[in-house]
Amino acid sequence: MSLKDGLILEFLAEHDLELPPKPLYRNLNRHGHQIGYSTVRLRLSELEKHGLVQEVGGGSYYEITETGHRYLEGELTPDELEVTD
């Protein structure tokens, strides 16, 4: 897990959004978070592998999952997350 992962998860959860990578990147920076577009894309892929975000709508939109919410609440540690391919 990366420090940027928490930032992405918190942003999606706080704003209750479904976003593709580019608008997510733009809005994170707009809200004062310094993060690159390639980092957002990479981290979304990793977060999806751990079940913390999921693709919705068939158009590369991502939302936080229940597992992601549980992780933010401290109910799960990085060691407890399953990795899928």
C-alpha atoms as a PDB file:
ATOM      1  CA  MET A   1       0.000   0.000   0.000  1.00  0.00           C
ATOM      2  CA  SER A   2       1.129   3.516  -0.831  1.00  0.00           C
ATOM      3  CA  LEU A   3       0.500   6.807   0.958  1.00  0.00           C
ATOM      4  CA  LYS A   4      -1.418   7.931  -2.129  1.00  0.00           C
ATOM      5  CA  ASP A   5      -3.792   4.966  -1.766  1.00  0.00           C
ATOM      6  CA  GLY A   6      -5.357   6.417   1.358  1.00  0.00           C
ATOM      7  CA  LEU A   7      -5.701   9.779  -0.352  1.00  0.00           C
ATOM      8  CA  ILE A   8      -7.570   8.239  -3.299  1.00  0.00           C
ATOM      9  CA  LEU A   9      -9.795   6.085  -1.069  1.00  0.00           C
ATOM     10  CA  GLU A  10     -10.633   8.967   1.248  1.00  0.00           C
ATOM     11  CA  PHE A  11     -11.477  11.255  -1.665  1.00  0.00           C
ATOM     12  CA  LEU A  12     -13.815   8.698  -3.268  1.00  0.00           C
ATOM     13  CA  ALA A  13     -15.460   7.913   0.066  1.00  0.00           C
ATOM     14  CA  GLU A  14     -15.775  11.499   1.263  1.00  0.00           C
ATOM     15  CA  HIS A  15     -17.358  12.713  -1.953  1.00  0.00           C
ATOM     16  CA  ASP A  16     -19.298   9.473  -2.703  1.00  0.00           C
ATOM     17  CA  LEU A  17     -18.114   9.509  -6.312  1.00  0.00           C
ATOM     18  CA  GLU A  18     -17.661   7.195  -9.269  1.00  0.00           C
ATOM     19  CA  LEU A  19     -14.872   8.622 -11.417  1.00  0.00           C
ATOM     20  CA  PRO A  20     -12.533   7.600 -14.227  1.00  0.00           C
ATOM     21  CA  PRO A  21      -8.811   8.164 -13.599  1.00  0.00           C
ATOM     22  CA  LYS A  22      -8.434  11.515 -15.394  1.00  0.00           C
ATOM     23  CA  PRO A  23     -11.265  13.370 -13.590  1.00  0.00           C
ATOM     24  CA  LEU A  24     -10.145  11.799 -10.297  1.00  0.00           C
ATOM     25  CA  TYR A  25      -6.619  13.111 -10.897  1.00  0.00           C
ATOM     26  CA  ARG A  26      -7.920  16.577 -11.808  1.00  0.00           C
ATOM     27  CA  ASN A  27     -10.196  16.793  -8.775  1.00  0.00           C
ATOM     28  CA  LEU A  28      -7.555  15.555  -6.349  1.00  0.00           C
ATOM     29  CA  ASN A  29      -5.203  18.290  -7.548  1.00  0.00           C
ATOM     30  CA  ARG A  30      -7.998  20.837  -7.565  1.00  0.00           C
ATOM     31  CA  HIS A  31      -8.534  20.060  -3.880  1.00  0.00           C
ATOM     32  CA  GLY A  32      -4.846  20.684  -3.127  1.00  0.00           C
ATOM     33  CA  HIS A  33      -3.419  17.177  -3.351  1.00  0.00           C
ATOM     34  CA  GLN A  34      -0.248  16.894  -5.413  1.00  0.00           C
ATOM     35  CA  ILE A  35      -0.539  13.628  -7.326  1.00  0.00           C
ATOM     36  CA  GLY A  36       0.291  12.744 -10.926  1.00  0.00           C
ATOM     37  CA  TYR A  37      -2.090  11.248 -13.446  1.00  0.00           C
ATOM     38  CA  SER A  38       0.096   8.161 -13.968  1.00  0.00           C
ATOM     39  CA  THR A  39       0.177   7.659 -10.194  1.00  0.00           C
ATOM     40  CA  VAL A  40      -3.613   7.793 -10.004  1.00  0.00           C
ATOM     41  CA  ARG A  41      -3.921   5.203 -12.781  1.00  0.00           C
ATOM     42  CA  LEU A  42      -1.323   2.923 -11.185  1.00  0.00           C
ATOM     43  CA  ARG A  43      -2.794   3.208  -7.698  1.00  0.00           C
ATOM     44  CA  LEU A  44      -6.363   2.565  -8.918  1.00  0.00           C
ATOM     45  CA  SER A  45      -5.125  -0.647 -10.517  1.00  0.00           C
ATOM     46  CA  GLU A  46      -3.454  -1.719  -7.270  1.00  0.00           C
ATOM     47  CA  LEU A  47      -6.449  -0.730  -5.163  1.00  0.00           C
ATOM     48  CA  GLU A  48      -8.686  -2.782  -7.446  1.00  0.00           C
ATOM     49  CA  LYS A  49      -6.406  -5.826  -7.045  1.00  0.00           C
ATOM     50  CA  HIS A  50      -6.886  -5.551  -3.283  1.00  0.00           C
ATOM     51  CA  GLY A  51     -10.668  -5.155  -3.557  1.00  0.00           C
ATOM     52  CA  LEU A  52     -10.662  -1.586  -2.226  1.00  0.00           C
ATOM     53  CA  VAL A  53     -12.131  -0.024  -5.368  1.00  0.00           C
ATOM     54  CA  GLN A  54     -14.102  -1.533  -8.209  1.00  0.00           C
ATOM     55  CA  GLU A  55     -14.772  -0.592 -11.786  1.00  0.00           C
ATOM     56  CA  VAL A  56     -18.403   0.294 -12.416  1.00  0.00           C
ATOM     57  CA  GLY A  57     -20.473   1.098 -15.446  1.00  0.00           C
ATOM     58  CA  GLY A  58     -18.146  -0.614 -17.913  1.00  0.00           C
ATOM     59  CA  GLY A  59     -16.434   2.682 -18.729  1.00  0.00           C
ATOM     60  CA  SER A  60     -13.405   2.714 -16.446  1.00  0.00           C
ATOM     61  CA  TYR A  61     -15.254   4.499 -13.661  1.00  0.00           C
ATOM     62  CA  TYR A  62     -14.116   3.548 -10.169  1.00  0.00           C
ATOM     63  CA  GLU A  63     -15.840   3.627  -6.802  1.00  0.00           C
ATOM     64  CA  ILE A  64     -14.758   2.632  -3.320  1.00  0.00           C
ATOM     65  CA  THR A  65     -16.005  -0.781  -2.175  1.00  0.00           C
ATOM     66  CA  GLU A  66     -17.329  -1.892   1.184  1.00  0.00           C
ATOM     67  CA  THR A  67     -13.887  -3.406   1.791  1.00  0.00           C
ATOM     68  CA  GLY A  68     -12.392  -0.002   1.020  1.00  0.00           C
ATOM     69  CA  HIS A  69     -14.673   1.635   3.571  1.00  0.00           C
ATOM     70  CA  ARG A  70     -13.731  -1.003   6.150  1.00  0.00           C
ATOM     71  CA  TYR A  71     -10.048  -0.389   5.439  1.00  0.00           C
ATOM     72  CA  LEU A  72     -10.488   3.374   5.970  1.00  0.00           C
ATOM     73  CA  GLU A  73     -12.334   2.710   9.232  1.00  0.00           C
ATOM     74  CA  GLY A  74      -9.347   0.676  10.464  1.00  0.00           C
ATOM     75  CA  GLU A  75     -11.256  -2.604  10.466  1.00  0.00           C
ATOM     76  CA  LEU A  76      -8.767  -4.161   8.029  1.00  0.00           C
ATOM     77  CA  THR A  77      -4.990  -3.967   7.811  1.00  0.00           C
ATOM     78  CA  PRO A  78      -2.988  -4.187   4.563  1.00  0.00           C
ATOM     79  CA  ASP A  79      -1.973  -7.743   5.573  1.00  0.00           C
ATOM     80  CA  GLU A  80      -5.636  -8.795   5.695  1.00  0.00           C
ATOM     81  CA  LEU A  81      -6.409  -7.693   2.133  1.00  0.00           C
ATOM     82  CA  GLU A  82      -6.688 -10.363  -0.507  1.00  0.00           C
ATOM     83  CA  VAL A  83      -4.931  -9.886  -3.817  1.00  0.00           C
ATOM     84  CA  THR A  84      -6.765 -10.753  -7.044  1.00  0.00           C
ATOM     85  CA  ASP A  85      -5.499 -10.676 -10.612  1.00  0.00           C
END
